[in-house]
């Protein structure tokens, strides 16, 4: 989860472009795009599982 947050922060707050982020975090461009424009389903899933379990 922290890598997703780091990628999103680098894109939205630091202003790095997709290729720079992919090089910095050593992930594929497609993965970087998916993490940058992915709605925060992971946080919603964590919240729901914490409530029920």
Protein backbone atom coordinates (compact mmCIF):
# COMPACT_ATOMS: atom_id res chain seq x y z
CA UNK A 1 0.00 0.00 0.00
CA UNK A 2 2.81 2.44 0.71
CA UNK A 3 4.26 2.11 -2.79
CA UNK A 4 0.88 3.06 -4.25
CA UNK A 5 0.75 6.09 -1.95
CA UNK A 6 4.31 7.06 -2.84
CA UNK A 7 3.59 6.84 -6.56
CA UNK A 8 0.41 8.88 -6.22
CA UNK A 9 2.18 11.53 -4.11
CA UNK A 10 5.02 11.78 -6.62
CA UNK A 11 2.52 12.31 -9.43
CA UNK A 12 -0.01 14.62 -7.81
CA UNK A 13 2.03 16.59 -5.28
CA UNK A 14 5.63 16.56 -6.53
CA UNK A 15 4.63 16.93 -10.18
CA UNK A 16 6.79 14.15 -11.59
CA UNK A 17 5.73 12.67 -14.90
CA UNK A 18 4.87 9.01 -15.45
CA UNK A 19 8.21 7.96 -16.92
CA UNK A 20 10.18 9.61 -14.11
CA UNK A 21 8.06 7.84 -11.50
CA UNK A 22 8.46 4.50 -13.28
CA UNK A 23 12.24 4.89 -13.27
CA UNK A 24 12.38 6.05 -9.67
CA UNK A 25 10.22 3.23 -8.26
CA UNK A 26 11.43 0.59 -10.79
CA UNK A 27 7.94 -0.31 -11.99
CA UNK A 28 6.39 -0.60 -15.45
CA UNK A 29 4.80 2.43 -17.12
CA UNK A 30 1.48 0.61 -17.25
CA UNK A 31 1.65 -0.07 -13.51
CA UNK A 32 2.47 3.56 -12.81
CA UNK A 33 -0.47 4.76 -14.89
CA UNK A 34 -2.80 2.34 -13.13
CA UNK A 35 -1.68 3.49 -9.68
CA UNK A 36 -1.88 7.19 -10.57
CA UNK A 37 -5.39 7.06 -11.95
CA UNK A 38 -6.75 4.28 -9.75
CA UNK A 39 -9.57 5.30 -7.46
CA UNK A 40 -8.73 4.49 -3.89
CA UNK A 41 -10.48 1.15 -3.82
CA UNK A 42 -7.73 -0.29 -1.67
CA UNK A 43 -8.43 2.10 1.17
CA UNK A 44 -12.14 1.38 0.93
CA UNK A 45 -11.50 -2.35 1.06
CA UNK A 46 -9.29 -1.92 4.12
CA UNK A 47 -11.94 0.13 5.89
CA UNK A 48 -14.64 -2.45 5.16
CA UNK A 49 -12.52 -5.38 6.27
CA UNK A 50 -11.57 -3.57 9.47
CA UNK A 51 -15.24 -3.03 10.27
CA UNK A 52 -16.30 -6.63 9.67
CA UNK A 53 -13.24 -8.52 10.93
